[in-house]
PDB file of N, CA and C in Angstrom:
ATOM      1  N   MET A   1       0.849  -1.164   0.000  1.00  0.00           N
ATOM      2  CA  MET A   1       0.000   0.000   0.000  1.00  0.00           C
ATOM      3  C   MET A   1       0.896   1.229   0.000  1.00  0.00           C
ATOM      4  N   GLN A   2       0.459   2.270  -0.695  1.00  0.00           N
ATOM      5  CA  GLN A   2       1.189   3.526  -0.771  1.00  0.00           C
ATOM      6  C   GLN A   2       0.472   4.593   0.056  1.00  0.00           C
ATOM      7  N   ILE A   3       1.232   5.334   0.848  1.00  0.00           N
ATOM      8  CA  ILE A   3       0.701   6.474   1.578  1.00  0.00           C
ATOM      9  C   ILE A   3       1.653   7.653   1.367  1.00  0.00           C
ATOM     10  N   GLN A   4       1.237   8.806   1.826  1.00  0.00           N
ATOM     11  CA  GLN A   4       2.122   9.962   1.900  1.00  0.00           C
ATOM     12  C   GLN A   4       2.534  10.087   3.358  1.00  0.00           C
ATOM     13  N   LEU A   5       3.825  10.006   3.630  1.00  0.00           N
ATOM     14  CA  LEU A   5       4.338  10.101   4.991  1.00  0.00           C
ATOM     15  C   LEU A   5       5.204  11.352   5.069  1.00  0.00           C
ATOM     16  N   ASN A   6       4.763  12.317   5.857  1.00  0.00           N
ATOM     17  CA  ASN A   6       5.450  13.602   5.978  1.00  0.00           C
ATOM     18  C   ASN A   6       5.735  14.211   4.608  1.00  0.00           C
ATOM     19  N   GLY A   7       4.725  14.124   3.727  1.00  0.00           N
ATOM     20  CA  GLY A   7       4.805  14.760   2.426  1.00  0.00           C
ATOM     21  C   GLY A   7       5.540  13.987   1.354  1.00  0.00           C
ATOM     22  N   ARG A   8       5.967  12.776   1.670  1.00  0.00           N
ATOM     23  CA  ARG A   8       6.703  11.971   0.684  1.00  0.00           C
ATOM     24  C   ARG A   8       6.027  10.612   0.495  1.00  0.00           C
ATOM     25  N   PRO A   9       6.119  10.062  -0.706  1.00  0.00           N
ATOM     26  CA  PRO A   9       5.554   8.728  -0.930  1.00  0.00           C
ATOM     27  C   PRO A   9       6.250   7.705  -0.035  1.00  0.00           C
ATOM     28  N   TYR A  10       5.468   6.804   0.514  1.00  0.00           N
ATOM     29  CA  TYR A  10       6.011   5.750   1.376  1.00  0.00           C
ATOM     30  C   TYR A  10       5.255   4.461   1.084  1.00  0.00           C
ATOM     31  N   SER A  11       5.991   3.392   0.859  1.00  0.00           N
ATOM     32  CA  SER A  11       5.400   2.083   0.628  1.00  0.00           C
ATOM     33  C   SER A  11       5.301   1.344   1.961  1.00  0.00           C
ATOM     34  N   VAL A  12       4.084   1.093   2.393  1.00  0.00           N
ATOM     35  CA  VAL A  12       3.831   0.448   3.677  1.00  0.00           C
ATOM     36  C   VAL A  12       3.935  -1.069   3.504  1.00  0.00           C
ATOM     37  N   PRO A  13       4.746  -1.744   4.336  1.00  0.00           N
ATOM     38  CA  PRO A  13       4.817  -3.208   4.259  1.00  0.00           C
ATOM     39  C   PRO A  13       3.437  -3.837   4.503  1.00  0.00           C
ATOM     40  N   ASP A  14       3.197  -4.979   3.888  1.00  0.00           N
ATOM     41  CA  ASP A  14       1.894  -5.652   4.000  1.00  0.00           C
ATOM     42  C   ASP A  14       1.488  -5.938   5.439  1.00  0.00           C
ATOM     43  N   ARG A  15       2.450  -6.186   6.305  1.00  0.00           N
ATOM     44  CA  ARG A  15       2.135  -6.547   7.696  1.00  0.00           C
ATOM     45  C   ARG A  15       1.650  -5.353   8.521  1.00  0.00           C
ATOM     46  N   VAL A  16       1.835  -4.142   8.010  1.00  0.00           N
ATOM     47  CA  VAL A  16       1.462  -2.930   8.741  1.00  0.00           C
ATOM     48  C   VAL A  16       0.054  -2.515   8.326  1.00  0.00           C
ATOM     49  N   ARG A  17      -0.862  -2.497   9.296  1.00  0.00           N
ATOM     50  CA  ARG A  17      -2.268  -2.210   9.005  1.00  0.00           C
ATOM     51  C   ARG A  17      -2.815  -0.992   9.744  1.00  0.00           C
ATOM     52  N   THR A  18      -2.121  -0.538  10.794  1.00  0.00           N
ATOM     53  CA  THR A  18      -2.627   0.573  11.603  1.00  0.00           C
ATOM     54  C   THR A  18      -1.541   1.630  11.801  1.00  0.00           C
ATOM     55  N   VAL A  19      -1.961   2.781  12.285  1.00  0.00           N
ATOM     56  CA  VAL A  19      -1.006   3.842  12.591  1.00  0.00           C
ATOM     57  C   VAL A  19      -0.029   3.367  13.674  1.00  0.00           C
ATOM     58  N   GLY A  20      -0.524   2.659  14.670  1.00  0.00           N
ATOM     59  CA  GLY A  20       0.350   2.141  15.725  1.00  0.00           C
ATOM     60  C   GLY A  20       1.409   1.207  15.172  1.00  0.00           C
ATOM     61  N   GLU A  21       1.019   0.340  14.255  1.00  0.00           N
ATOM     62  CA  GLU A  21       1.984  -0.579  13.634  1.00  0.00           C
ATOM     63  C   GLU A  21       2.981   0.185  12.771  1.00  0.00           C
ATOM     64  N   LEU A  22       2.529   1.254  12.115  1.00  0.00           N
ATOM     65  CA  LEU A  22       3.434   2.080  11.320  1.00  0.00           C
ATOM     66  C   LEU A  22       4.498   2.716  12.215  1.00  0.00           C
ATOM     67  N   LEU A  23       4.076   3.248  13.362  1.00  0.00           N
ATOM     68  CA  LEU A  23       5.036   3.844  14.284  1.00  0.00           C
ATOM     69  C   LEU A  23       6.056   2.809  14.745  1.00  0.00           C
ATOM     70  N   SER A  24       5.594   1.608  15.052  1.00  0.00           N
ATOM     71  CA  SER A  24       6.515   0.534  15.451  1.00  0.00           C
ATOM     72  C   SER A  24       7.477   0.197  14.330  1.00  0.00           C
ATOM     73  N   GLU A  25       6.977   0.105  13.114  1.00  0.00           N
ATOM     74  CA  GLU A  25       7.806  -0.201  11.943  1.00  0.00           C
ATOM     75  C   GLU A  25       8.895   0.854  11.763  1.00  0.00           C
ATOM     76  N   LEU A  26       8.555   2.099  12.046  1.00  0.00           N
ATOM     77  CA  LEU A  26       9.501   3.196  11.881  1.00  0.00           C
ATOM     78  C   LEU A  26      10.421   3.362  13.094  1.00  0.00           C
ATOM     79  N   GLY A  27      10.146   2.614  14.163  1.00  0.00           N
ATOM     80  CA  GLY A  27      10.951   2.725  15.378  1.00  0.00           C
ATOM     81  C   GLY A  27      10.690   4.002  16.154  1.00  0.00           C
ATOM     82  N   VAL A  28       9.447   4.484  16.076  1.00  0.00           N
ATOM     83  CA  VAL A  28       9.069   5.738  16.727  1.00  0.00           C
ATOM     84  C   VAL A  28       8.210   5.436  17.947  1.00  0.00           C
ATOM     85  N   GLN A  29       8.573   6.031  19.083  1.00  0.00           N
ATOM     86  CA  GLN A  29       7.761   5.873  20.294  1.00  0.00           C
ATOM     87  C   GLN A  29       6.555   6.806  20.203  1.00  0.00           C
ATOM     88  N   ASP A  30       5.372   6.258  20.372  1.00  0.00           N
ATOM     89  CA  ASP A  30       4.187   7.096  20.225  1.00  0.00           C
ATOM     90  C   ASP A  30       4.038   8.114  21.341  1.00  0.00           C
ATOM     91  N   SER A  31       4.801   7.969  22.418  1.00  0.00           N
ATOM     92  CA  SER A  31       4.700   8.919  23.529  1.00  0.00           C
ATOM     93  C   SER A  31       5.407  10.240  23.244  1.00  0.00           C
ATOM     94  N   ILE A  32       6.236  10.294  22.195  1.00  0.00           N
ATOM     95  CA  ILE A  32       6.977  11.527  21.911  1.00  0.00           C
ATOM     96  C   ILE A  32       6.624  12.125  20.553  1.00  0.00           C
ATOM     97  N   VAL A  33       5.502  11.703  19.980  1.00  0.00           N
ATOM     98  CA  VAL A  33       5.104  12.228  18.676  1.00  0.00           C
ATOM     99  C   VAL A  33       3.635  12.624  18.667  1.00  0.00           C
ATOM    100  N   MET A  34       3.289  13.430  17.687  1.00  0.00           N
ATOM    101  CA  MET A  34       1.914  13.757  17.369  1.00  0.00           C
ATOM    102  C   MET A  34       1.686  13.217  15.964  1.00  0.00           C
ATOM    103  N   VAL A  35       0.559  12.541  15.754  1.00  0.00           N
ATOM    104  CA  VAL A  35       0.253  11.974  14.448  1.00  0.00           C
ATOM    105  C   VAL A  35      -1.024  12.613  13.910  1.00  0.00           C
ATOM    106  N   GLU A  36      -0.933  13.038  12.652  1.00  0.00           N
ATOM    107  CA  GLU A  36      -2.094  13.552  11.942  1.00  0.00           C
ATOM    108  C   GLU A  36      -2.352  12.606  10.773  1.00  0.00           C
ATOM    109  N   GLN A  37      -3.575  12.151  10.648  1.00  0.00           N
ATOM    110  CA  GLN A  37      -3.954  11.250   9.562  1.00  0.00           C
ATOM    111  C   GLN A  37      -5.075  11.898   8.773  1.00  0.00           C
ATOM    112  N   ASN A  38      -4.798  12.207   7.511  1.00  0.00           N
ATOM    113  CA  ASN A  38      -5.789  12.832   6.632  1.00  0.00           C
ATOM    114  C   ASN A  38      -6.401  14.084   7.249  1.00  0.00           C
ATOM    115  N   GLY A  39      -5.541  14.912   7.865  1.00  0.00           N
ATOM    116  CA  GLY A  39      -5.992  16.179   8.416  1.00  0.00           C
ATOM    117  C   GLY A  39      -6.564  16.120   9.811  1.00  0.00           C
ATOM    118  N   LYS A  40      -6.645  14.926  10.408  1.00  0.00           N
ATOM    119  CA  LYS A  40      -7.190  14.774  11.757  1.00  0.00           C
ATOM    120  C   LYS A  40      -6.070  14.391  12.713  1.00  0.00           C
ATOM    121  N   ILE A  41      -5.923  15.154  13.787  1.00  0.00           N
ATOM    122  CA  ILE A  41      -4.929  14.818  14.801  1.00  0.00           C
ATOM    123  C   ILE A  41      -5.465  13.661  15.625  1.00  0.00           C
ATOM    124  N   LEU A  42      -4.642  12.620  15.748  1.00  0.00           N
ATOM    125  CA  LEU A  42      -5.041  11.425  16.490  1.00  0.00           C
ATOM    126  C   LEU A  42      -4.555  11.497  17.933  1.00  0.00           C
ATOM    127  N   GLU A  43      -5.413  11.104  18.845  1.00  0.00           N
ATOM    128  CA  GLU A  43      -4.991  10.921  20.234  1.00  0.00           C
ATOM    129  C   GLU A  43      -4.099   9.681  20.288  1.00  0.00           C
ATOM    130  N   ARG A  44      -3.174   9.651  21.216  1.00  0.00           N
ATOM    131  CA  ARG A  44      -2.257   8.514  21.343  1.00  0.00           C
ATOM    132  C   ARG A  44      -3.028   7.193  21.459  1.00  0.00           C
ATOM    133  N   GLU A  45      -4.143   7.215  22.171  1.00  0.00           N
ATOM    134  CA  GLU A  45      -4.930   5.996  22.373  1.00  0.00           C
ATOM    135  C   GLU A  45      -5.550   5.492  21.071  1.00  0.00           C
ATOM    136  N   GLU A  46      -5.661   6.354  20.066  1.00  0.00           N
ATOM    137  CA  GLU A  46      -6.252   5.977  18.782  1.00  0.00           C
ATOM    138  C   GLU A  46      -5.257   5.272  17.850  1.00  0.00           C
ATOM    139  N   HIS A  47      -3.966   5.431  18.078  1.00  0.00           N
ATOM    140  CA  HIS A  47      -2.959   4.879  17.169  1.00  0.00           C
ATOM    141  C   HIS A  47      -3.143   3.387  16.874  1.00  0.00           C
ATOM    142  N   PRO A  48      -3.318   2.537  17.904  1.00  0.00           N
ATOM    143  CA  PRO A  48      -3.429   1.094  17.607  1.00  0.00           C
ATOM    144  C   PRO A  48      -4.662   0.708  16.804  1.00  0.00           C
ATOM    145  N   ALA A  49      -5.723   1.503  16.880  1.00  0.00           N
ATOM    146  CA  ALA A  49      -6.979   1.134  16.227  1.00  0.00           C
ATOM    147  C   ALA A  49      -7.255   1.919  14.949  1.00  0.00           C
ATOM    148  N   SER A  50      -6.361   2.828  14.570  1.00  0.00           N
ATOM    149  CA  SER A  50      -6.590   3.649  13.377  1.00  0.00           C
ATOM    150  C   SER A  50      -6.031   2.948  12.147  1.00  0.00           C
ATOM    151  N   PRO A  51      -6.909   2.431  11.291  1.00  0.00           N
ATOM    152  CA  PRO A  51      -6.439   1.690  10.123  1.00  0.00           C
ATOM    153  C   PRO A  51      -5.793   2.606   9.087  1.00  0.00           C
ATOM    154  N   LEU A  52      -4.786   2.082   8.419  1.00  0.00           N
ATOM    155  CA  LEU A  52      -4.171   2.777   7.294  1.00  0.00           C
ATOM    156  C   LEU A  52      -4.869   2.344   6.017  1.00  0.00           C
ATOM    157  N   GLU A  53      -5.104   3.304   5.145  1.00  0.00           N
ATOM    158  CA  GLU A  53      -5.751   3.039   3.863  1.00  0.00           C
ATOM    159  C   GLU A  53      -4.848   3.553   2.739  1.00  0.00           C
ATOM    160  N   GLU A  54      -5.017   2.995   1.559  1.00  0.00           N
ATOM    161  CA  GLU A  54      -4.285   3.448   0.378  1.00  0.00           C
ATOM    162  C   GLU A  54      -4.429   4.968   0.229  1.00  0.00           C
ATOM    163  N   ASN A  55      -3.322   5.630  -0.048  1.00  0.00           N
ATOM    164  CA  ASN A  55      -3.253   7.075  -0.281  1.00  0.00           C
ATOM    165  C   ASN A  55      -3.517   7.941   0.946  1.00  0.00           C
ATOM    166  N   ASP A  56      -3.517   7.351   2.149  1.00  0.00           N
ATOM    167  CA  ASP A  56      -3.622   8.171   3.355  1.00  0.00           C
ATOM    168  C   ASP A  56      -2.479   9.172   3.392  1.00  0.00           C
ATOM    169  N   GLN A  57      -2.746  10.298   4.021  1.00  0.00           N
ATOM    170  CA  GLN A  57      -1.702  11.287   4.260  1.00  0.00           C
ATOM    171  C   GLN A  57      -1.439  11.314   5.758  1.00  0.00           C
ATOM    172  N   VAL A  58      -0.228  10.915   6.127  1.00  0.00           N
ATOM    173  CA  VAL A  58       0.156  10.801   7.527  1.00  0.00           C
ATOM    174  C   VAL A  58       1.325  11.753   7.801  1.00  0.00           C
ATOM    175  N   GLU A  59       1.159  12.546   8.834  1.00  0.00           N
ATOM    176  CA  GLU A  59       2.236  13.430   9.281  1.00  0.00           C
ATOM    177  C   GLU A  59       2.610  13.003  10.694  1.00  0.00           C
ATOM    178  N   ILE A  60       3.902  12.824  10.919  1.00  0.00           N
ATOM    179  CA  ILE A  60       4.414  12.464  12.244  1.00  0.00           C
ATOM    180  C   ILE A  60       5.348  13.588  12.671  1.00  0.00           C
ATOM    181  N   VAL A  61       5.020  14.208  13.794  1.00  0.00           N
ATOM    182  CA  VAL A  61       5.816  15.303  14.322  1.00  0.00           C
ATOM    183  C   VAL A  61       6.398  14.876  15.662  1.00  0.00           C
ATOM    184  N   ARG A  62       7.719  14.972  15.786  1.00  0.00           N
ATOM    185  CA  ARG A  62       8.386  14.614  17.032  1.00  0.00           C
ATOM    186  C   ARG A  62       8.517  15.853  17.917  1.00  0.00           C
ATOM    187  N   PHE A  63       8.274  15.651  19.215  1.00  0.00           N
ATOM    188  CA  PHE A  63       8.454  16.726  20.167  1.00  0.00           C
ATOM    189  C   PHE A  63       9.922  16.811  20.558  1.00  0.00           C
ATOM    190  N   VAL A  64      10.464  18.007  20.521  1.00  0.00           N
ATOM    191  CA  VAL A  64      11.863  18.220  20.854  1.00  0.00           C
ATOM    192  C   VAL A  64      11.935  19.303  21.919  1.00  0.00           C
ATOM    193  N   GLY A  65      12.626  18.992  23.003  1.00  0.00           N
ATOM    194  CA  GLY A  65      12.790  19.978  24.072  1.00  0.00           C
ATOM    195  C   GLY A  65      13.936  20.924  23.740  1.00  0.00           C
ATOM    196  N   GLY A  66      13.895  22.029  24.360  1.00  0.00           N
ATOM    197  CA  GLY A  66      14.980  22.979  24.155  1.00  0.00           C
ATOM    198  C   GLY A  66      14.603  24.333  24.712  1.00  0.00           C
ATOM    199  N   GLY A  67      15.491  25.245  24.566  1.00  0.00           N
ATOM    200  CA  GLY A  67      15.178  26.545  25.122  1.00  0.00           C
ATOM    201  C   GLY A  67      15.970  27.644  24.511  1.00  0.00           C
TER     202      GLY A  67
END
């Protein structure tokens, strides 16, 4: 399946079916990111149950501390 990930084409492996699985595949901890799927910001609790569909647009933003 093909999606747009942070504005770039990304081929999702067949075993990845949800946003939570995508984060795991990418090695990203869901506690330090914000995920937007097709213009909707997802709550962390929604990641495991949010299905990925062909041509979804997913944005992953990492929180970075600093001052």
